[in-house]
Amino acid sequence: MTRLRYVVGAETYDVDVAAGEGELTLTTTPDVWTSLIGGALDPVVAYMQGKLKVAGDMAALYELLPTIPLPDA
């Protein structure tokens, strides 16, 4: 199981994914977060554009591409 922790300003959101093993911390701004949750911005695109920073087990990240799960909105 992989634990994704999203850090958005002072808020954190956790998502457990049944793929791979490890932990990832994904950090973004509240504006980008709103676009991600609203579906206006794809998480993979945000990562590639540098709008979504990732730290932790990069092998787990690449296993989750191209669909990085978001918390339920």
PDB file of N, CA and C in Angstrom:
ATOM      1  N   MET A   1       0.840  -1.170   0.000  1.00  0.00           N
ATOM      2  CA  MET A   1       0.000   0.000   0.000  1.00  0.00           C
ATOM      3  C   MET A   1       0.887   1.236   0.000  1.00  0.00           C
ATOM      4  N   THR A   2       0.483   2.223  -0.764  1.00  0.00           N
ATOM      5  CA  THR A   2       1.198   3.491  -0.821  1.00  0.00           C
ATOM      6  C   THR A   2       0.348   4.565  -0.167  1.00  0.00           C
ATOM      7  N   ARG A   3       0.947   5.339   0.696  1.00  0.00           N
ATOM      8  CA  ARG A   3       0.264   6.468   1.342  1.00  0.00           C
ATOM      9  C   ARG A   3       0.676   7.732   0.620  1.00  0.00           C
ATOM     10  N   LEU A   4      -0.318   8.462   0.098  1.00  0.00           N
ATOM     11  CA  LEU A   4      -0.090   9.773  -0.493  1.00  0.00           C
ATOM     12  C   LEU A   4      -0.546  10.814   0.513  1.00  0.00           C
ATOM     13  N   ARG A   5       0.300  11.765   0.800  1.00  0.00           N
ATOM     14  CA  ARG A   5      -0.064  12.873   1.682  1.00  0.00           C
ATOM     15  C   ARG A   5       0.046  14.152   0.861  1.00  0.00           C
ATOM     16  N   TYR A   6      -1.085  14.815   0.704  1.00  0.00           N
ATOM     17  CA  TYR A   6      -1.128  16.100   0.011  1.00  0.00           C
ATOM     18  C   TYR A   6      -1.018  17.206   1.041  1.00  0.00           C
ATOM     19  N   VAL A   7      -0.106  18.136   0.820  1.00  0.00           N
ATOM     20  CA  VAL A   7       0.059  19.299   1.690  1.00  0.00           C
ATOM     21  C   VAL A   7      -0.339  20.523   0.871  1.00  0.00           C
ATOM     22  N   VAL A   8      -1.400  21.177   1.326  1.00  0.00           N
ATOM     23  CA  VAL A   8      -1.950  22.343   0.633  1.00  0.00           C
ATOM     24  C   VAL A   8      -2.053  23.465   1.658  1.00  0.00           C
ATOM     25  N   GLY A   9      -1.082  24.353   1.642  1.00  0.00           N
ATOM     26  CA  GLY A   9      -1.040  25.386   2.679  1.00  0.00           C
ATOM     27  C   GLY A   9      -0.903  24.717   4.032  1.00  0.00           C
ATOM     28  N   ALA A  10      -1.817  25.015   4.953  1.00  0.00           N
ATOM     29  CA  ALA A  10      -1.790  24.417   6.294  1.00  0.00           C
ATOM     30  C   ALA A  10      -2.600  23.124   6.375  1.00  0.00           C
ATOM     31  N   GLU A  11      -3.273  22.744   5.300  1.00  0.00           N
ATOM     32  CA  GLU A  11      -4.124  21.547   5.278  1.00  0.00           C
ATOM     33  C   GLU A  11      -3.348  20.339   4.756  1.00  0.00           C
ATOM     34  N   THR A  12      -3.710  19.155   5.263  1.00  0.00           N
ATOM     35  CA  THR A  12      -3.162  17.915   4.716  1.00  0.00           C
ATOM     36  C   THR A  12      -4.305  16.957   4.422  1.00  0.00           C
ATOM     37  N   TYR A  13      -4.117  16.161   3.377  1.00  0.00           N
ATOM     38  CA  TYR A  13      -5.093  15.163   2.964  1.00  0.00           C
ATOM     39  C   TYR A  13      -4.335  13.874   2.692  1.00  0.00           C
ATOM     40  N   ASP A  14      -4.825  12.755   3.223  1.00  0.00           N
ATOM     41  CA  ASP A  14      -4.174  11.466   3.023  1.00  0.00           C
ATOM     42  C   ASP A  14      -5.027  10.568   2.139  1.00  0.00           C
ATOM     43  N   VAL A  15      -4.344   9.841   1.253  1.00  0.00           N
ATOM     44  CA  VAL A  15      -4.987   8.866   0.372  1.00  0.00           C
ATOM     45  C   VAL A  15      -4.152   7.596   0.435  1.00  0.00           C
ATOM     46  N   ASP A  16      -4.787   6.468   0.711  1.00  0.00           N
ATOM     47  CA  ASP A  16      -4.103   5.175   0.660  1.00  0.00           C
ATOM     48  C   ASP A  16      -4.443   4.512  -0.671  1.00  0.00           C
ATOM     49  N   VAL A  17      -3.409   4.024  -1.358  1.00  0.00           N
ATOM     50  CA  VAL A  17      -3.560   3.429  -2.675  1.00  0.00           C
ATOM     51  C   VAL A  17      -3.070   1.988  -2.610  1.00  0.00           C
ATOM     52  N   ALA A  18      -3.815   1.079  -3.201  1.00  0.00           N
ATOM     53  CA  ALA A  18      -3.478  -0.342  -3.141  1.00  0.00           C
ATOM     54  C   ALA A  18      -2.342  -0.713  -4.089  1.00  0.00           C
ATOM     55  N   ALA A  19      -1.695   0.254  -4.712  1.00  0.00           N
ATOM     56  CA  ALA A  19      -0.588  -0.027  -5.625  1.00  0.00           C
ATOM     57  C   ALA A  19       0.739   0.285  -4.944  1.00  0.00           C
ATOM     58  N   GLY A  20       1.696  -0.605  -5.096  1.00  0.00           N
ATOM     59  CA  GLY A  20       3.041  -0.364  -4.614  1.00  0.00           C
ATOM     60  C   GLY A  20       3.148  -0.286  -3.105  1.00  0.00           C
ATOM     61  N   GLU A  21       4.325   0.103  -2.661  1.00  0.00           N
ATOM     62  CA  GLU A  21       4.634   0.263  -1.246  1.00  0.00           C
ATOM     63  C   GLU A  21       5.411   1.557  -1.097  1.00  0.00           C
ATOM     64  N   GLY A  22       5.104   2.312  -0.089  1.00  0.00           N
ATOM     65  CA  GLY A  22       5.889   3.507   0.168  1.00  0.00           C
ATOM     66  C   GLY A  22       5.032   4.667   0.606  1.00  0.00           C
ATOM     67  N   GLU A  23       5.691   5.817   0.711  1.00  0.00           N
ATOM     68  CA  GLU A  23       5.019   7.045   1.104  1.00  0.00           C
ATOM     69  C   GLU A  23       5.480   8.163   0.197  1.00  0.00           C
ATOM     70  N   LEU A  24       4.537   8.997  -0.184  1.00  0.00           N
ATOM     71  CA  LEU A  24       4.820  10.172  -0.994  1.00  0.00           C
ATOM     72  C   LEU A  24       4.167  11.380  -0.350  1.00  0.00           C
ATOM     73  N   THR A  25       4.849  12.499  -0.387  1.00  0.00           N
ATOM     74  CA  THR A  25       4.260  13.762   0.030  1.00  0.00           C
ATOM     75  C   THR A  25       4.197  14.647  -1.193  1.00  0.00           C
ATOM     76  N   LEU A  26       2.982  15.112  -1.513  1.00  0.00           N
ATOM     77  CA  LEU A  26       2.757  15.968  -2.664  1.00  0.00           C
ATOM     78  C   LEU A  26       2.341  17.332  -2.140  1.00  0.00           C
ATOM     79  N   THR A  27       3.040  18.371  -2.563  1.00  0.00           N
ATOM     80  CA  THR A  27       2.818  19.714  -2.053  1.00  0.00           C
ATOM     81  C   THR A  27       2.418  20.636  -3.193  1.00  0.00           C
ATOM     82  N   THR A  28       1.398  21.449  -2.943  1.00  0.00           N
ATOM     83  CA  THR A  28       0.944  22.401  -3.946  1.00  0.00           C
ATOM     84  C   THR A  28       0.300  23.602  -3.270  1.00  0.00           C
ATOM     85  N   THR A  29      -0.065  24.580  -4.067  1.00  0.00           N
ATOM     86  CA  THR A  29      -0.718  25.785  -3.550  1.00  0.00           C
ATOM     87  C   THR A  29      -2.230  25.573  -3.512  1.00  0.00           C
ATOM     88  N   PRO A  30      -2.935  26.358  -2.718  1.00  0.00           N
ATOM     89  CA  PRO A  30      -4.392  26.237  -2.692  1.00  0.00           C
ATOM     90  C   PRO A  30      -5.048  26.463  -4.064  1.00  0.00           C
ATOM     91  N   ASP A  31      -4.511  27.388  -4.872  1.00  0.00           N
ATOM     92  CA  ASP A  31      -5.087  27.632  -6.199  1.00  0.00           C
ATOM     93  C   ASP A  31      -4.948  26.410  -7.105  1.00  0.00           C
ATOM     94  N   VAL A  32      -3.786  25.796  -7.108  1.00  0.00           N
ATOM     95  CA  VAL A  32      -3.576  24.600  -7.925  1.00  0.00           C
ATOM     96  C   VAL A  32      -4.441  23.462  -7.388  1.00  0.00           C
ATOM     97  N   TRP A  33      -4.539  23.347  -6.073  1.00  0.00           N
ATOM     98  CA  TRP A  33      -5.361  22.305  -5.450  1.00  0.00           C
ATOM     99  C   TRP A  33      -6.812  22.410  -5.915  1.00  0.00           C
ATOM    100  N   THR A  34      -7.330  23.630  -5.953  1.00  0.00           N
ATOM    101  CA  THR A  34      -8.699  23.848  -6.408  1.00  0.00           C
ATOM    102  C   THR A  34      -8.868  23.369  -7.848  1.00  0.00           C
ATOM    103  N   SER A  35      -7.883  23.637  -8.691  1.00  0.00           N
ATOM    104  CA  SER A  35      -7.932  23.177 -10.087  1.00  0.00           C
ATOM    105  C   SER A  35      -7.847  21.661 -10.181  1.00  0.00           C
ATOM    106  N   LEU A  36      -7.032  21.043  -9.334  1.00  0.00           N
ATOM    107  CA  LEU A  36      -6.906  19.585  -9.334  1.00  0.00           C
ATOM    108  C   LEU A  36      -8.217  18.922  -8.915  1.00  0.00           C
ATOM    109  N   ILE A  37      -8.765  19.358  -7.792  1.00  0.00           N
ATOM    110  CA  ILE A  37      -9.997  18.770  -7.272  1.00  0.00           C
ATOM    111  C   ILE A  37     -11.170  19.025  -8.212  1.00  0.00           C
ATOM    112  N   GLY A  38     -11.186  20.201  -8.838  1.00  0.00           N
ATOM    113  CA  GLY A  38     -12.273  20.549  -9.755  1.00  0.00           C
ATOM    114  C   GLY A  38     -12.164  19.879 -11.114  1.00  0.00           C
ATOM    115  N   GLY A  39     -11.034  19.228 -11.379  1.00  0.00           N
ATOM    116  CA  GLY A  39     -10.854  18.535 -12.654  1.00  0.00           C
ATOM    117  C   GLY A  39     -10.327  19.415 -13.771  1.00  0.00           C
ATOM    118  N   ALA A  40     -10.030  20.685 -13.490  1.00  0.00           N
ATOM    119  CA  ALA A  40      -9.510  21.583 -14.515  1.00  0.00           C
ATOM    120  C   ALA A  40      -8.033  21.331 -14.804  1.00  0.00           C
ATOM    121  N   LEU A  41      -7.342  20.643 -13.895  1.00  0.00           N
ATOM    122  CA  LEU A  41      -5.920  20.351 -14.042  1.00  0.00           C
ATOM    123  C   LEU A  41      -5.674  18.903 -13.660  1.00  0.00           C
ATOM    124  N   ASP A  42      -4.992  18.193 -14.515  1.00  0.00           N
ATOM    125  CA  ASP A  42      -4.645  16.800 -14.261  1.00  0.00           C
ATOM    126  C   ASP A  42      -3.423  16.751 -13.337  1.00  0.00           C
ATOM    127  N   PRO A  43      -3.420  15.861 -12.333  1.00  0.00           N
ATOM    128  CA  PRO A  43      -2.272  15.785 -11.420  1.00  0.00           C
ATOM    129  C   PRO A  43      -0.949  15.505 -12.127  1.00  0.00           C
ATOM    130  N   VAL A  44      -0.972  14.692 -13.177  1.00  0.00           N
ATOM    131  CA  VAL A  44       0.267  14.385 -13.905  1.00  0.00           C
ATOM    132  C   VAL A  44       0.788  15.647 -14.597  1.00  0.00           C
ATOM    133  N   VAL A  45      -0.107  16.404 -15.191  1.00  0.00           N
ATOM    134  CA  VAL A  45       0.279  17.652 -15.848  1.00  0.00           C
ATOM    135  C   VAL A  45       0.830  18.629 -14.812  1.00  0.00           C
ATOM    136  N   ALA A  46       0.163  18.736 -13.670  1.00  0.00           N
ATOM    137  CA  ALA A  46       0.632  19.631 -12.616  1.00  0.00           C
ATOM    138  C   ALA A  46       2.035  19.232 -12.158  1.00  0.00           C
ATOM    139  N   TYR A  47       2.291  17.946 -12.033  1.00  0.00           N
ATOM    140  CA  TYR A  47       3.622  17.465 -11.644  1.00  0.00           C
ATOM    141  C   TYR A  47       4.655  17.832 -12.707  1.00  0.00           C
ATOM    142  N   MET A  48       4.321  17.581 -13.971  1.00  0.00           N
ATOM    143  CA  MET A  48       5.260  17.858 -15.062  1.00  0.00           C
ATOM    144  C   MET A  48       5.541  19.364 -15.205  1.00  0.00           C
ATOM    145  N   GLN A  49       4.572  20.196 -14.841  1.00  0.00           N
ATOM    146  CA  GLN A  49       4.742  21.648 -14.916  1.00  0.00           C
ATOM    147  C   GLN A  49       5.386  22.227 -13.656  1.00  0.00           C
ATOM    148  N   GLY A  50       5.649  21.391 -12.666  1.00  0.00           N
ATOM    149  CA  GLY A  50       6.265  21.862 -11.433  1.00  0.00           C
ATOM    150  C   GLY A  50       5.283  22.497 -10.468  1.00  0.00           C
ATOM    151  N   LYS A  51       3.989  22.350 -10.714  1.00  0.00           N
ATOM    152  CA  LYS A  51       2.968  22.915  -9.829  1.00  0.00           C
ATOM    153  C   LYS A  51       2.625  21.979  -8.676  1.00  0.00           C
ATOM    154  N   LEU A  52       3.029  20.733  -8.792  1.00  0.00           N
ATOM    155  CA  LEU A  52       2.803  19.721  -7.765  1.00  0.00           C
ATOM    156  C   LEU A  52       4.164  19.114  -7.435  1.00  0.00           C
ATOM    157  N   LYS A  53       4.700  19.446  -6.283  1.00  0.00           N
ATOM    158  CA  LYS A  53       6.020  18.961  -5.853  1.00  0.00           C
ATOM    159  C   LYS A  53       5.857  17.616  -5.160  1.00  0.00           C
ATOM    160  N   VAL A  54       6.810  16.724  -5.395  1.00  0.00           N
ATOM    161  CA  VAL A  54       6.729  15.374  -4.837  1.00  0.00           C
ATOM    162  C   VAL A  54       8.010  15.055  -4.078  1.00  0.00           C
ATOM    163  N   ALA A  55       7.862  14.484  -2.882  1.00  0.00           N
ATOM    164  CA  ALA A  55       8.991  14.008  -2.089  1.00  0.00           C
ATOM    165  C   ALA A  55       8.663  12.618  -1.577  1.00  0.00           C
ATOM    166  N   GLY A  56       9.667  11.779  -1.459  1.00  0.00           N
ATOM    167  CA  GLY A  56       9.454  10.436  -0.933  1.00  0.00           C
ATOM    168  C   GLY A  56       9.850   9.376  -1.939  1.00  0.00           C
ATOM    169  N   ASP A  57       9.103   8.294  -1.952  1.00  0.00           N
ATOM    170  CA  ASP A  57       9.408   7.118  -2.767  1.00  0.00           C
ATOM    171  C   ASP A  57       9.023   7.359  -4.229  1.00  0.00           C
ATOM    172  N   MET A  58       9.989   7.808  -5.025  1.00  0.00           N
ATOM    173  CA  MET A  58       9.713   8.131  -6.424  1.00  0.00           C
ATOM    174  C   MET A  58       9.308   6.899  -7.231  1.00  0.00           C
ATOM    175  N   ALA A  59       9.772   5.722  -6.854  1.00  0.00           N
ATOM    176  CA  ALA A  59       9.343   4.503  -7.551  1.00  0.00           C
ATOM    177  C   ALA A  59       7.836   4.321  -7.409  1.00  0.00           C
ATOM    178  N   ALA A  60       7.297   4.640  -6.236  1.00  0.00           N
ATOM    179  CA  ALA A  60       5.848   4.560  -6.025  1.00  0.00           C
ATOM    180  C   ALA A  60       5.129   5.575  -6.900  1.00  0.00           C
ATOM    181  N   LEU A  61       5.705   6.770  -7.047  1.00  0.00           N
ATOM    182  CA  LEU A  61       5.092   7.779  -7.899  1.00  0.00           C
ATOM    183  C   LEU A  61       5.001   7.284  -9.333  1.00  0.00           C
ATOM    184  N   TYR A  62       6.100   6.769  -9.866  1.00  0.00           N
ATOM    185  CA  TYR A  62       6.103   6.324 -11.260  1.00  0.00           C
ATOM    186  C   TYR A  62       5.172   5.139 -11.472  1.00  0.00           C
ATOM    187  N   GLU A  63       4.952   4.348 -10.436  1.00  0.00           N
ATOM    188  CA  GLU A  63       4.000   3.246 -10.542  1.00  0.00           C
ATOM    189  C   GLU A  63       2.561   3.785 -10.622  1.00  0.00           C
ATOM    190  N   LEU A  64       2.307   4.905  -9.967  1.00  0.00           N
ATOM    191  CA  LEU A  64       0.962   5.486  -9.969  1.00  0.00           C
ATOM    192  C   LEU A  64       0.655   6.304 -11.222  1.00  0.00           C
ATOM    193  N   LEU A  65       1.704   6.738 -11.934  1.00  0.00           N
ATOM    194  CA  LEU A  65       1.453   7.462 -13.180  1.00  0.00           C
ATOM    195  C   LEU A  65       0.811   6.503 -14.173  1.00  0.00           C
ATOM    196  N   PRO A  66      -0.119   6.881 -15.012  1.00  0.00           N
ATOM    197  CA  PRO A  66      -0.544   8.247 -15.270  1.00  0.00           C
ATOM    198  C   PRO A  66      -1.748   8.700 -14.466  1.00  0.00           C
ATOM    199  N   THR A  67      -2.181   7.946 -13.490  1.00  0.00           N
ATOM    200  CA  THR A  67      -3.365   8.375 -12.704  1.00  0.00           C
ATOM    201  C   THR A  67      -2.984   8.509 -11.245  1.00  0.00           C
ATOM    202  N   ILE A  68      -2.669   9.711 -10.845  1.00  0.00           N
ATOM    203  CA  ILE A  68      -2.362   9.985  -9.445  1.00  0.00           C
ATOM    204  C   ILE A  68      -3.689  10.234  -8.751  1.00  0.00           C
ATOM    205  N   PRO A  69      -4.066   9.403  -7.783  1.00  0.00           N
ATOM    206  CA  PRO A  69      -5.360   9.587  -7.135  1.00  0.00           C
ATOM    207  C   PRO A  69      -5.400  10.823  -6.234  1.00  0.00           C
ATOM    208  N   LEU A  70      -6.561  11.464  -6.235  1.00  0.00           N
ATOM    209  CA  LEU A  70      -6.812  12.612  -5.364  1.00  0.00           C
ATOM    210  C   LEU A  70      -7.801  12.198  -4.293  1.00  0.00           C
ATOM    211  N   PRO A  71      -7.828  12.902  -3.163  1.00  0.00           N
ATOM    212  CA  PRO A  71      -8.862  12.612  -2.158  1.00  0.00           C
ATOM    213  C   PRO A  71     -10.243  12.885  -2.744  1.00  0.00           C
ATOM    214  N   ASP A  72     -11.244  12.263  -2.183  1.00  0.00           N
ATOM    215  CA  ASP A  72     -12.605  12.549  -2.616  1.00  0.00           C
ATOM    216  C   ASP A  72     -12.926  14.004  -2.294  1.00  0.00           C
ATOM    217  N   ALA A  73     -13.441  14.693  -3.283  1.00  0.00           N
ATOM    218  CA  ALA A  73     -13.746  16.115  -3.100  1.00  0.00           C
ATOM    219  C   ALA A  73     -15.008  16.313  -2.302  1.00  0.00           C
TER     220      ALA A  73
END
